[in-house]
PDB file of all heavy atoms in Angstrom:
ATOM      1  N   GLY A   1      -6.010  12.681  10.355  1.00  0.00           N
ATOM      2  CA  GLY A   1      -6.157  13.443   9.121  1.00  0.00           C
ATOM      3  C   GLY A   1      -5.509  12.826   7.899  1.00  0.00           C
ATOM      4  O   GLY A   1      -5.560  13.404   6.811  1.00  0.00           O
ATOM      5  N   ILE A   2      -4.879  11.662   8.054  1.00  0.00           N
ATOM      6  CA  ILE A   2      -4.263  10.975   6.914  1.00  0.00           C
ATOM      7  C   ILE A   2      -5.028   9.676   6.686  1.00  0.00           C
ATOM      8  O   ILE A   2      -5.175   8.860   7.597  1.00  0.00           O
ATOM      9  CB  ILE A   2      -2.772  10.667   7.173  1.00  0.00           C
ATOM     10  CG1 ILE A   2      -2.000  11.965   7.430  1.00  0.00           C
ATOM     11  CG2 ILE A   2      -2.175   9.894   5.990  1.00  0.00           C
ATOM     12  CD1 ILE A   2      -0.575  11.751   7.904  1.00  0.00           C
ATOM     13  N   PHE A   3      -5.520   9.495   5.460  1.00  0.00           N
ATOM     14  CA  PHE A   3      -6.248   8.278   5.132  1.00  0.00           C
ATOM     15  C   PHE A   3      -5.267   7.269   4.547  1.00  0.00           C
ATOM     16  O   PHE A   3      -4.619   7.531   3.530  1.00  0.00           O
ATOM     17  CB  PHE A   3      -7.370   8.575   4.131  1.00  0.00           C
ATOM     18  CG  PHE A   3      -8.310   7.428   3.947  1.00  0.00           C
ATOM     19  CD1 PHE A   3      -9.179   7.052   4.958  1.00  0.00           C
ATOM     20  CD2 PHE A   3      -8.320   6.710   2.766  1.00  0.00           C
ATOM     21  CE1 PHE A   3     -10.052   5.988   4.791  1.00  0.00           C
ATOM     22  CE2 PHE A   3      -9.187   5.648   2.584  1.00  0.00           C
ATOM     23  CZ  PHE A   3     -10.052   5.279   3.608  1.00  0.00           C
ATOM     24  N   LEU A   4      -5.119   6.123   5.213  1.00  0.00           N
ATOM     25  CA  LEU A   4      -4.229   5.051   4.778  1.00  0.00           C
ATOM     26  C   LEU A   4      -5.083   3.984   4.102  1.00  0.00           C
ATOM     27  O   LEU A   4      -6.069   3.529   4.688  1.00  0.00           O
ATOM     28  CB  LEU A   4      -3.487   4.456   5.980  1.00  0.00           C
ATOM     29  CG  LEU A   4      -2.758   5.467   6.878  1.00  0.00           C
ATOM     30  CD1 LEU A   4      -2.335   4.817   8.174  1.00  0.00           C
ATOM     31  CD2 LEU A   4      -1.565   6.050   6.154  1.00  0.00           C
ATOM     32  N   PHE A   5      -4.687   3.571   2.886  1.00  0.00           N
ATOM     33  CA  PHE A   5      -5.535   2.661   2.118  1.00  0.00           C
ATOM     34  C   PHE A   5      -4.704   1.661   1.327  1.00  0.00           C
ATOM     35  O   PHE A   5      -3.757   2.034   0.635  1.00  0.00           O
ATOM     36  CB  PHE A   5      -6.406   3.472   1.152  1.00  0.00           C
ATOM     37  CG  PHE A   5      -7.406   2.659   0.378  1.00  0.00           C
ATOM     38  CD1 PHE A   5      -8.619   2.291   0.948  1.00  0.00           C
ATOM     39  CD2 PHE A   5      -7.147   2.268  -0.929  1.00  0.00           C
ATOM     40  CE1 PHE A   5      -9.554   1.549   0.234  1.00  0.00           C
ATOM     41  CE2 PHE A   5      -8.081   1.533  -1.656  1.00  0.00           C
ATOM     42  CZ  PHE A   5      -9.285   1.170  -1.065  1.00  0.00           C
ATOM     43  N   ASN A   6      -5.063   0.390   1.454  1.00  0.00           N
ATOM     44  CA  ASN A   6      -4.484  -0.674   0.648  1.00  0.00           C
ATOM     45  C   ASN A   6      -5.631  -1.314  -0.128  1.00  0.00           C
ATOM     46  O   ASN A   6      -6.587  -1.798   0.487  1.00  0.00           O
ATOM     47  CB  ASN A   6      -3.794  -1.707   1.536  1.00  0.00           C
ATOM     48  CG  ASN A   6      -3.054  -2.783   0.753  1.00  0.00           C
ATOM     49  OD1 ASN A   6      -3.473  -3.195  -0.311  1.00  0.00           O
ATOM     50  ND2 ASN A   6      -1.946  -3.234   1.300  1.00  0.00           N
ATOM     51  N   PRO A   7      -5.548  -1.340  -1.467  1.00  0.00           N
ATOM     52  CA  PRO A   7      -6.651  -1.898  -2.246  1.00  0.00           C
ATOM     53  C   PRO A   7      -6.734  -3.421  -2.196  1.00  0.00           C
ATOM     54  O   PRO A   7      -7.705  -4.000  -2.671  1.00  0.00           O
ATOM     55  CB  PRO A   7      -6.340  -1.427  -3.668  1.00  0.00           C
ATOM     56  CG  PRO A   7      -4.849  -1.317  -3.698  1.00  0.00           C
ATOM     57  CD  PRO A   7      -4.466  -0.840  -2.321  1.00  0.00           C
ATOM     58  N   GLY A   8      -5.741  -4.091  -1.626  1.00  0.00           N
ATOM     59  CA  GLY A   8      -5.682  -5.544  -1.665  1.00  0.00           C
ATOM     60  C   GLY A   8      -5.033  -5.979  -2.973  1.00  0.00           C
ATOM     61  O   GLY A   8      -4.341  -5.205  -3.619  1.00  0.00           O
ATOM     62  N   SER A   9      -5.261  -7.210  -3.373  1.00  0.00           N
ATOM     63  CA  SER A   9      -4.670  -7.748  -4.591  1.00  0.00           C
ATOM     64  C   SER A   9      -5.767  -8.224  -5.534  1.00  0.00           C
ATOM     65  O   SER A   9      -6.725  -8.864  -5.097  1.00  0.00           O
ATOM     66  CB  SER A   9      -3.750  -8.929  -4.264  1.00  0.00           C
ATOM     67  OG  SER A   9      -3.348  -9.607  -5.431  1.00  0.00           O
ATOM     68  N   ILE A  10      -5.598  -7.931  -6.835  1.00  0.00           N
ATOM     69  CA  ILE A  10      -6.593  -8.403  -7.806  1.00  0.00           C
ATOM     70  C   ILE A  10      -6.352  -9.859  -8.186  1.00  0.00           C
ATOM     71  O   ILE A  10      -7.199 -10.472  -8.814  1.00  0.00           O
ATOM     72  CB  ILE A  10      -6.654  -7.515  -9.070  1.00  0.00           C
ATOM     73  CG1 ILE A  10      -5.352  -7.565  -9.865  1.00  0.00           C
ATOM     74  CG2 ILE A  10      -7.043  -6.100  -8.719  1.00  0.00           C
ATOM     75  CD1 ILE A  10      -5.448  -6.941 -11.249  1.00  0.00           C
ATOM     76  N   THR A  11      -5.206 -10.420  -7.802  1.00  0.00           N
ATOM     77  CA  THR A  11      -4.893 -11.787  -8.224  1.00  0.00           C
ATOM     78  C   THR A  11      -4.800 -12.793  -7.088  1.00  0.00           C
ATOM     79  O   THR A  11      -5.245 -13.921  -7.232  1.00  0.00           O
ATOM     80  CB  THR A  11      -3.562 -11.832  -8.993  1.00  0.00           C
ATOM     81  OG1 THR A  11      -2.534 -11.269  -8.174  1.00  0.00           O
ATOM     82  CG2 THR A  11      -3.652 -11.084 -10.301  1.00  0.00           C
ATOM     83  N   SER A  12      -4.201 -12.409  -5.971  1.00  0.00           N
ATOM     84  CA  SER A  12      -3.973 -13.395  -4.912  1.00  0.00           C
ATOM     85  C   SER A  12      -4.093 -12.772  -3.524  1.00  0.00           C
ATOM     86  O   SER A  12      -3.096 -12.513  -2.862  1.00  0.00           O
ATOM     87  CB  SER A  12      -2.597 -14.047  -5.084  1.00  0.00           C
ATOM     88  OG  SER A  12      -1.590 -13.054  -5.174  1.00  0.00           O
ATOM     89  N   PRO A  13      -5.330 -12.540  -3.077  1.00  0.00           N
ATOM     90  CA  PRO A  13      -5.524 -11.952  -1.751  1.00  0.00           C
ATOM     91  C   PRO A  13      -5.030 -12.896  -0.656  1.00  0.00           C
ATOM     92  O   PRO A  13      -5.072 -14.112  -0.816  1.00  0.00           O
ATOM     93  CB  PRO A  13      -7.040 -11.751  -1.664  1.00  0.00           C
ATOM     94  CG  PRO A  13      -7.615 -12.675  -2.662  1.00  0.00           C
ATOM     95  CD  PRO A  13      -6.598 -12.847  -3.745  1.00  0.00           C
ATOM     96  N   ARG A  14      -4.567 -12.302   0.433  1.00  0.00           N
ATOM     97  CA  ARG A  14      -4.059 -13.089   1.557  1.00  0.00           C
ATOM     98  C   ARG A  14      -4.859 -12.860   2.836  1.00  0.00           C
ATOM     99  O   ARG A  14      -4.416 -13.212   3.920  1.00  0.00           O
ATOM    100  CB  ARG A  14      -2.596 -12.738   1.807  1.00  0.00           C
ATOM    101  CG  ARG A  14      -1.690 -13.115   0.667  1.00  0.00           C
ATOM    102  CD  ARG A  14      -0.254 -12.751   0.946  1.00  0.00           C
ATOM    103  NE  ARG A  14       0.582 -13.062  -0.217  1.00  0.00           N
ATOM    104  CZ  ARG A  14       1.703 -12.433  -0.513  1.00  0.00           C
ATOM    105  NH1 ARG A  14       2.149 -11.463   0.263  1.00  0.00           N
ATOM    106  NH2 ARG A  14       2.389 -12.770  -1.579  1.00  0.00           N
ATOM    107  N   ASP A  15      -6.031 -12.257   2.704  1.00  0.00           N
ATOM    108  CA  ASP A  15      -6.835 -11.951   3.889  1.00  0.00           C
ATOM    109  C   ASP A  15      -8.146 -12.730   3.914  1.00  0.00           C
ATOM    110  O   ASP A  15      -9.080 -12.352   4.601  1.00  0.00           O
ATOM    111  CB  ASP A  15      -7.108 -10.448   3.969  1.00  0.00           C
ATOM    112  CG  ASP A  15      -7.749  -9.880   2.704  1.00  0.00           C
ATOM    113  OD1 ASP A  15      -8.032 -10.651   1.761  1.00  0.00           O
ATOM    114  OD2 ASP A  15      -7.957  -8.658   2.649  1.00  0.00           O
ATOM    115  N   TYR A  16      -8.203 -13.833   3.192  1.00  0.00           N
ATOM    116  CA  TYR A  16      -9.397 -14.684   3.129  1.00  0.00           C
ATOM    117  C   TYR A  16     -10.614 -13.923   2.614  1.00  0.00           C
ATOM    118  O   TYR A  16     -11.739 -14.273   2.916  1.00  0.00           O
ATOM    119  CB  TYR A  16      -9.684 -15.343   4.488  1.00  0.00           C
ATOM    120  CG  TYR A  16      -8.500 -16.097   5.008  1.00  0.00           C
ATOM    121  CD1 TYR A  16      -7.697 -15.566   6.007  1.00  0.00           C
ATOM    122  CD2 TYR A  16      -8.151 -17.329   4.464  1.00  0.00           C
ATOM    123  CE1 TYR A  16      -6.587 -16.260   6.469  1.00  0.00           C
ATOM    124  CE2 TYR A  16      -7.035 -18.023   4.922  1.00  0.00           C
ATOM    125  CZ  TYR A  16      -6.262 -17.485   5.919  1.00  0.00           C
ATOM    126  OH  TYR A  16      -5.164 -18.165   6.379  1.00  0.00           O
ATOM    127  N   MET A  17     -10.360 -12.890   1.846  1.00  0.00           N
ATOM    128  CA  MET A  17     -11.398 -12.094   1.214  1.00  0.00           C
ATOM    129  C   MET A  17     -11.261 -12.278  -0.297  1.00  0.00           C
ATOM    130  O   MET A  17     -10.230 -12.748  -0.773  1.00  0.00           O
ATOM    131  CB  MET A  17     -11.229 -10.613   1.570  1.00  0.00           C
ATOM    132  CG  MET A  17     -11.325 -10.287   3.051  1.00  0.00           C
ATOM    133  SD  MET A  17     -12.988 -10.387   3.676  1.00  0.00           S
ATOM    134  CE  MET A  17     -13.685  -8.918   2.969  1.00  0.00           C
ATOM    135  N   PRO A  18     -12.284 -11.897  -1.066  1.00  0.00           N
ATOM    136  CA  PRO A  18     -12.160 -11.986  -2.527  1.00  0.00           C
ATOM    137  C   PRO A  18     -11.078 -11.023  -3.037  1.00  0.00           C
ATOM    138  O   PRO A  18     -10.692 -10.085  -2.334  1.00  0.00           O
ATOM    139  CB  PRO A  18     -13.537 -11.543  -3.028  1.00  0.00           C
ATOM    140  CG  PRO A  18     -14.452 -11.672  -1.873  1.00  0.00           C
ATOM    141  CD  PRO A  18     -13.623 -11.472  -0.648  1.00  0.00           C
ATOM    142  N   PRO A  19     -10.601 -11.226  -4.264  1.00  0.00           N
ATOM    143  CA  PRO A  19      -9.670 -10.267  -4.863  1.00  0.00           C
ATOM    144  C   PRO A  19     -10.284  -8.867  -4.832  1.00  0.00           C
ATOM    145  O   PRO A  19     -11.510  -8.724  -4.816  1.00  0.00           O
ATOM    146  CB  PRO A  19      -9.524 -10.759  -6.307  1.00  0.00           C
ATOM    147  CG  PRO A  19      -9.897 -12.200  -6.256  1.00  0.00           C
ATOM    148  CD  PRO A  19     -10.932 -12.321  -5.174  1.00  0.00           C
ATOM    149  N   SER A  20      -9.432  -7.843  -4.826  1.00  0.00           N
ATOM    150  CA  SER A  20      -9.978  -6.491  -4.722  1.00  0.00           C
ATOM    151  C   SER A  20      -9.058  -5.436  -5.308  1.00  0.00           C
ATOM    152  O   SER A  20      -7.866  -5.648  -5.492  1.00  0.00           O
ATOM    153  CB  SER A  20     -10.282  -6.148  -3.257  1.00  0.00           C
ATOM    154  OG  SER A  20      -9.103  -6.215  -2.480  1.00  0.00           O
ATOM    155  N   TYR A  21      -9.668  -4.296  -5.585  1.00  0.00           N
ATOM    156  CA  TYR A  21      -8.981  -3.073  -5.982  1.00  0.00           C
ATOM    157  C   TYR A  21      -9.757  -1.939  -5.334  1.00  0.00           C
ATOM    158  O   TYR A  21     -10.766  -2.171  -4.664  1.00  0.00           O
ATOM    159  CB  TYR A  21      -8.896  -2.935  -7.507  1.00  0.00           C
ATOM    160  CG  TYR A  21     -10.219  -2.876  -8.221  1.00  0.00           C
ATOM    161  CD1 TYR A  21     -10.798  -1.663  -8.570  1.00  0.00           C
ATOM    162  CD2 TYR A  21     -10.909  -4.041  -8.549  1.00  0.00           C
ATOM    163  CE1 TYR A  21     -12.014  -1.605  -9.228  1.00  0.00           C
ATOM    164  CE2 TYR A  21     -12.126  -3.994  -9.216  1.00  0.00           C
ATOM    165  CZ  TYR A  21     -12.675  -2.774  -9.543  1.00  0.00           C
ATOM    166  OH  TYR A  21     -13.875  -2.714 -10.199  1.00  0.00           O
ATOM    167  N   GLY A  22      -9.311  -0.698  -5.501  1.00  0.00           N
ATOM    168  CA  GLY A  22      -9.976   0.411  -4.827  1.00  0.00           C
ATOM    169  C   GLY A  22     -10.472   1.490  -5.762  1.00  0.00           C
ATOM    170  O   GLY A  22      -9.881   1.745  -6.813  1.00  0.00           O
ATOM    171  N   ILE A  23     -11.573   2.108  -5.348  1.00  0.00           N
ATOM    172  CA  ILE A  23     -12.080   3.326  -5.979  1.00  0.00           C
ATOM    173  C   ILE A  23     -12.132   4.380  -4.878  1.00  0.00           C
ATOM    174  O   ILE A  23     -12.725   4.156  -3.817  1.00  0.00           O
ATOM    175  CB  ILE A  23     -13.493   3.134  -6.570  1.00  0.00           C
ATOM    176  CG1 ILE A  23     -13.474   2.122  -7.717  1.00  0.00           C
ATOM    177  CG2 ILE A  23     -14.077   4.473  -7.025  1.00  0.00           C
ATOM    178  CD1 ILE A  23     -12.812   2.611  -8.987  1.00  0.00           C
ATOM    179  N   ILE A  24     -11.499   5.518  -5.141  1.00  0.00           N
ATOM    180  CA  ILE A  24     -11.428   6.595  -4.153  1.00  0.00           C
ATOM    181  C   ILE A  24     -11.994   7.868  -4.769  1.00  0.00           C
ATOM    182  O   ILE A  24     -11.653   8.232  -5.903  1.00  0.00           O
ATOM    183  CB  ILE A  24      -9.979   6.840  -3.694  1.00  0.00           C
ATOM    184  CG1 ILE A  24      -9.435   5.592  -3.007  1.00  0.00           C
ATOM    185  CG2 ILE A  24      -9.888   8.056  -2.768  1.00  0.00           C
ATOM    186  CD1 ILE A  24      -7.967   5.665  -2.657  1.00  0.00           C
ATOM    187  N   HIS A  25     -12.857   8.527  -4.019  1.00  0.00           N
ATOM    188  CA  HIS A  25     -13.361   9.849  -4.386  1.00  0.00           C
ATOM    189  C   HIS A  25     -12.719  10.828  -3.409  1.00  0.00           C
ATOM    190  O   HIS A  25     -12.906  10.714  -2.195  1.00  0.00           O
ATOM    191  CB  HIS A  25     -14.881   9.914  -4.281  1.00  0.00           C
ATOM    192  CG  HIS A  25     -15.569   9.015  -5.248  1.00  0.00           C
ATOM    193  ND1 HIS A  25     -15.919   9.417  -6.513  1.00  0.00           N
ATOM    194  CD2 HIS A  25     -15.959   7.721  -5.149  1.00  0.00           C
ATOM    195  CE1 HIS A  25     -16.496   8.424  -7.156  1.00  0.00           C
ATOM    196  NE2 HIS A  25     -16.530   7.372  -6.350  1.00  0.00           N
ATOM    197  N   MET A  26     -11.972  11.790  -3.940  1.00  0.00           N
ATOM    198  CA  MET A  26     -11.248  12.738  -3.094  1.00  0.00           C
ATOM    199  C   MET A  26     -11.694  14.148  -3.452  1.00  0.00           C
ATOM    200  O   MET A  26     -11.711  14.534  -4.623  1.00  0.00           O
ATOM    201  CB  MET A  26      -9.742  12.567  -3.331  1.00  0.00           C
ATOM    202  CG  MET A  26      -8.859  13.325  -2.398  1.00  0.00           C
ATOM    203  SD  MET A  26      -7.124  12.811  -2.679  1.00  0.00           S
ATOM    204  CE  MET A  26      -6.283  13.983  -1.646  1.00  0.00           C
ATOM    205  N   SER A  27     -12.105  14.905  -2.440  1.00  0.00           N
ATOM    206  CA  SER A  27     -12.480  16.302  -2.637  1.00  0.00           C
ATOM    207  C   SER A  27     -11.722  17.137  -1.610  1.00  0.00           C
ATOM    208  O   SER A  27     -10.952  16.610  -0.817  1.00  0.00           O
ATOM    209  CB  SER A  27     -13.989  16.475  -2.467  1.00  0.00           C
ATOM    210  OG  SER A  27     -14.363  16.258  -1.127  1.00  0.00           O
ATOM    211  N   GLU A  28     -11.980  18.432  -1.608  1.00  0.00           N
ATOM    212  CA  GLU A  28     -11.302  19.307  -0.646  1.00  0.00           C
ATOM    213  C   GLU A  28     -11.616  18.917   0.791  1.00  0.00           C
ATOM    214  O   GLU A  28     -10.779  19.048   1.673  1.00  0.00           O
ATOM    215  CB  GLU A  28     -11.700  20.760  -0.892  1.00  0.00           C
ATOM    216  CG  GLU A  28     -11.147  21.316  -2.185  1.00  0.00           C
ATOM    217  CD  GLU A  28     -11.626  22.731  -2.453  1.00  0.00           C
ATOM    218  OE1 GLU A  28     -12.084  23.409  -1.517  1.00  0.00           O
ATOM    219  OE2 GLU A  28     -11.539  23.144  -3.621  1.00  0.00           O
ATOM    220  N   LYS A  29     -12.838  18.414   1.024  1.00  0.00           N
ATOM    221  CA  LYS A  29     -13.269  18.130   2.398  1.00  0.00           C
ATOM    222  C   LYS A  29     -13.268  16.651   2.763  1.00  0.00           C
ATOM    223  O   LYS A  29     -13.144  16.312   3.928  1.00  0.00           O
ATOM    224  CB  LYS A  29     -14.671  18.688   2.626  1.00  0.00           C
ATOM    225  CG  LYS A  29     -14.730  20.192   2.533  1.00  0.00           C
ATOM    226  CD  LYS A  29     -16.103  20.703   2.802  1.00  0.00           C
ATOM    227  CE  LYS A  29     -16.121  22.234   2.671  1.00  0.00           C
ATOM    228  NZ  LYS A  29     -17.433  22.781   2.927  1.00  0.00           N
ATOM    229  N   ASN A  30     -13.435  15.768   1.782  1.00  0.00           N
ATOM    230  CA  ASN A  30     -13.626  14.347   2.091  1.00  0.00           C
ATOM    231  C   ASN A  30     -12.774  13.417   1.248  1.00  0.00           C
ATOM    232  O   ASN A  30     -12.405  13.754   0.122  1.00  0.00           O
ATOM    233  CB  ASN A  30     -15.099  13.944   1.858  1.00  0.00           C
ATOM    234  CG  ASN A  30     -16.037  14.627   2.806  1.00  0.00           C
ATOM    235  OD1 ASN A  30     -15.792  14.676   3.999  1.00  0.00           O
ATOM    236  ND2 ASN A  30     -17.122  15.163   2.263  1.00  0.00           N
ATOM    237  N   ILE A  31     -12.536  12.249   1.814  1.00  0.00           N
ATOM    238  CA  ILE A  31     -11.969  11.131   1.073  1.00  0.00           C
ATOM    239  C   ILE A  31     -12.886   9.945   1.341  1.00  0.00           C
ATOM    240  O   ILE A  31     -13.095   9.556   2.490  1.00  0.00           O
ATOM    241  CB  ILE A  31     -10.528  10.797   1.513  1.00  0.00           C
ATOM    242  CG1 ILE A  31      -9.598  11.972   1.228  1.00  0.00           C
ATOM    243  CG2 ILE A  31     -10.037   9.520   0.815  1.00  0.00           C
ATOM    244  CD1 ILE A  31      -8.184  11.792   1.735  1.00  0.00           C
ATOM    245  N   LEU A  32     -13.477   9.421   0.271  1.00  0.00           N
ATOM    246  CA  LEU A  32     -14.336   8.251   0.372  1.00  0.00           C
ATOM    247  C   LEU A  32     -13.689   7.140  -0.434  1.00  0.00           C
ATOM    248  O   LEU A  32     -13.346   7.333  -1.595  1.00  0.00           O
ATOM    249  CB  LEU A  32     -15.733   8.547  -0.172  1.00  0.00           C
ATOM    250  CG  LEU A  32     -16.485   9.699   0.502  1.00  0.00           C
ATOM    251  CD1 LEU A  32     -17.743  10.024  -0.290  1.00  0.00           C
ATOM    252  CD2 LEU A  32     -16.828   9.337   1.930  1.00  0.00           C
ATOM    253  N   ALA A  33     -13.516   5.980   0.189  1.00  0.00           N
ATOM    254  CA  ALA A  33     -12.863   4.870  -0.492  1.00  0.00           C
ATOM    255  C   ALA A  33     -13.661   3.601  -0.297  1.00  0.00           C
ATOM    256  O   ALA A  33     -14.297   3.404   0.739  1.00  0.00           O
ATOM    257  CB  ALA A  33     -11.449   4.687   0.065  1.00  0.00           C
ATOM    258  N   ARG A  34     -13.619   2.739  -1.321  1.00  0.00           N
ATOM    259  CA  ARG A  34     -14.262   1.440  -1.174  1.00  0.00           C
ATOM    260  C   ARG A  34     -13.440   0.392  -1.919  1.00  0.00           C
ATOM    261  O   ARG A  34     -12.769   0.690  -2.916  1.00  0.00           O
ATOM    262  CB  ARG A  34     -15.697   1.457  -1.651  1.00  0.00           C
ATOM    263  CG  ARG A  34     -15.857   1.766  -3.095  1.00  0.00           C
ATOM    264  CD  ARG A  34     -17.302   1.911  -3.481  1.00  0.00           C
ATOM    265  NE  ARG A  34     -17.316   2.484  -4.821  1.00  0.00           N
ATOM    266  CZ  ARG A  34     -18.286   2.363  -5.657  1.00  0.00           C
ATOM    267  NH1 ARG A  34     -19.360   1.720  -5.315  1.00  0.00           N
ATOM    268  NH2 ARG A  34     -18.222   2.900  -6.849  1.00  0.00           N
ATOM    269  N   HIS A  35     -13.509  -0.798  -1.407  1.00  0.00           N
ATOM    270  CA  HIS A  35     -12.873  -1.937  -2.046  1.00  0.00           C
ATOM    271  C   HIS A  35     -13.863  -2.565  -3.014  1.00  0.00           C
ATOM    272  O   HIS A  35     -15.030  -2.745  -2.673  1.00  0.00           O
ATOM    273  CB  HIS A  35     -12.420  -2.961  -0.991  1.00  0.00           C
ATOM    274  CG  HIS A  35     -11.310  -2.463  -0.138  1.00  0.00           C
ATOM    275  ND1 HIS A  35     -11.525  -1.905   1.096  1.00  0.00           N
ATOM    276  CD2 HIS A  35      -9.977  -2.420  -0.355  1.00  0.00           C
ATOM    277  CE1 HIS A  35     -10.361  -1.537   1.617  1.00  0.00           C
ATOM    278  NE2 HIS A  35      -9.405  -1.850   0.752  1.00  0.00           N
ATOM    279  N   MET A  36     -13.396  -2.875  -4.196  1.00  0.00           N
ATOM    280  CA  MET A  36     -14.231  -3.453  -5.241  1.00  0.00           C
ATOM    281  C   MET A  36     -13.727  -4.863  -5.550  1.00  0.00           C
ATOM    282  O   MET A  36     -12.525  -5.112  -5.520  1.00  0.00           O
ATOM    283  CB  MET A  36     -14.148  -2.610  -6.513  1.00  0.00           C
ATOM    284  CG  MET A  36     -14.471  -1.137  -6.331  1.00  0.00           C
ATOM    285  SD  MET A  36     -16.206  -0.812  -6.090  1.00  0.00           S
ATOM    286  CE  MET A  36     -16.828  -1.190  -7.709  1.00  0.00           C
ATOM    287  N   ASN A  37     -14.644  -5.745  -5.891  1.00  0.00           N
ATOM    288  CA  ASN A  37     -14.302  -7.121  -6.241  1.00  0.00           C
ATOM    289  C   ASN A  37     -14.339  -7.271  -7.760  1.00  0.00           C
ATOM    290  O   ASN A  37     -15.398  -7.096  -8.362  1.00  0.00           O
ATOM    291  CB  ASN A  37     -15.307  -8.073  -5.576  1.00  0.00           C
ATOM    292  CG  ASN A  37     -15.045  -9.525  -5.872  1.00  0.00           C
ATOM    293  OD1 ASN A  37     -14.277  -9.880  -6.757  1.00  0.00           O
ATOM    294  ND2 ASN A  37     -15.695 -10.386  -5.121  1.00  0.00           N
ATOM    295  N   PRO A  38     -13.195  -7.582  -8.398  1.00  0.00           N
ATOM    296  CA  PRO A  38     -13.207  -7.714  -9.861  1.00  0.00           C
ATOM    297  C   PRO A  38     -14.122  -8.837 -10.349  1.00  0.00           C
ATOM    298  O   PRO A  38     -14.609  -8.796 -11.474  1.00  0.00           O
ATOM    299  CB  PRO A  38     -11.749  -7.988 -10.223  1.00  0.00           C
ATOM    300  CG  PRO A  38     -11.078  -8.359  -8.966  1.00  0.00           C
ATOM    301  CD  PRO A  38     -11.876  -7.794  -7.838  1.00  0.00           C
ATOM    302  N   ASP A  39     -14.390  -9.825  -9.506  1.00  0.00           N
ATOM    303  CA  ASP A  39     -15.300 -10.905  -9.886  1.00  0.00           C
ATOM    304  C   ASP A  39     -16.707 -10.374 -10.158  1.00  0.00           C
ATOM    305  O   ASP A  39     -17.423 -10.910 -10.993  1.00  0.00           O
ATOM    306  CB  ASP A  39     -15.363 -11.988  -8.810  1.00  0.00           C
ATOM    307  CG  ASP A  39     -14.045 -12.745  -8.681  1.00  0.00           C
ATOM    308  OD1 ASP A  39     -13.228 -12.692  -9.626  1.00  0.00           O
ATOM    309  OD2 ASP A  39     -13.829 -13.382  -7.644  1.00  0.00           O
ATOM    310  N   ASP A  40     -17.104  -9.306  -9.454  1.00  0.00           N
ATOM    311  CA  ASP A  40     -18.422  -8.709  -9.695  1.00  0.00           C
ATOM    312  C   ASP A  40     -18.513  -8.151 -11.114  1.00  0.00           C
ATOM    313  O   ASP A  40     -19.554  -8.238 -11.753  1.00  0.00           O
ATOM    314  CB  ASP A  40     -18.721  -7.605  -8.684  1.00  0.00           C
ATOM    315  CG  ASP A  40     -18.935  -8.152  -7.280  1.00  0.00           C
ATOM    316  OD1 ASP A  40     -19.216  -9.362  -7.145  1.00  0.00           O
ATOM    317  OD2 ASP A  40     -18.802  -7.374  -6.322  1.00  0.00           O
ATOM    318  N   LEU A  41     -17.429  -7.581 -11.612  1.00  0.00           N
ATOM    319  CA  LEU A  41     -17.410  -7.068 -12.984  1.00  0.00           C
ATOM    320  C   LEU A  41     -17.567  -8.204 -13.973  1.00  0.00           C
ATOM    321  O   LEU A  41     -18.297  -8.099 -14.945  1.00  0.00           O
ATOM    322  CB  LEU A  41     -16.084  -6.344 -13.272  1.00  0.00           C
ATOM    323  CG  LEU A  41     -15.778  -5.099 -12.476  1.00  0.00           C
ATOM    324  CD1 LEU A  41     -14.374  -4.615 -12.785  1.00  0.00           C
ATOM    325  CD2 LEU A  41     -16.794  -4.014 -12.764  1.00  0.00           C
TER     326      LEU A  41
END
């Protein structure tokens, strides 16, 4: 019942993935989260 989330780093990722940040939609019933790549912007 607890959502644990790390957005990563926008400058220096250490997981061999692109830089990232998070967008979270939180309601009474749900938590939806996704990692976003600033390079896409």
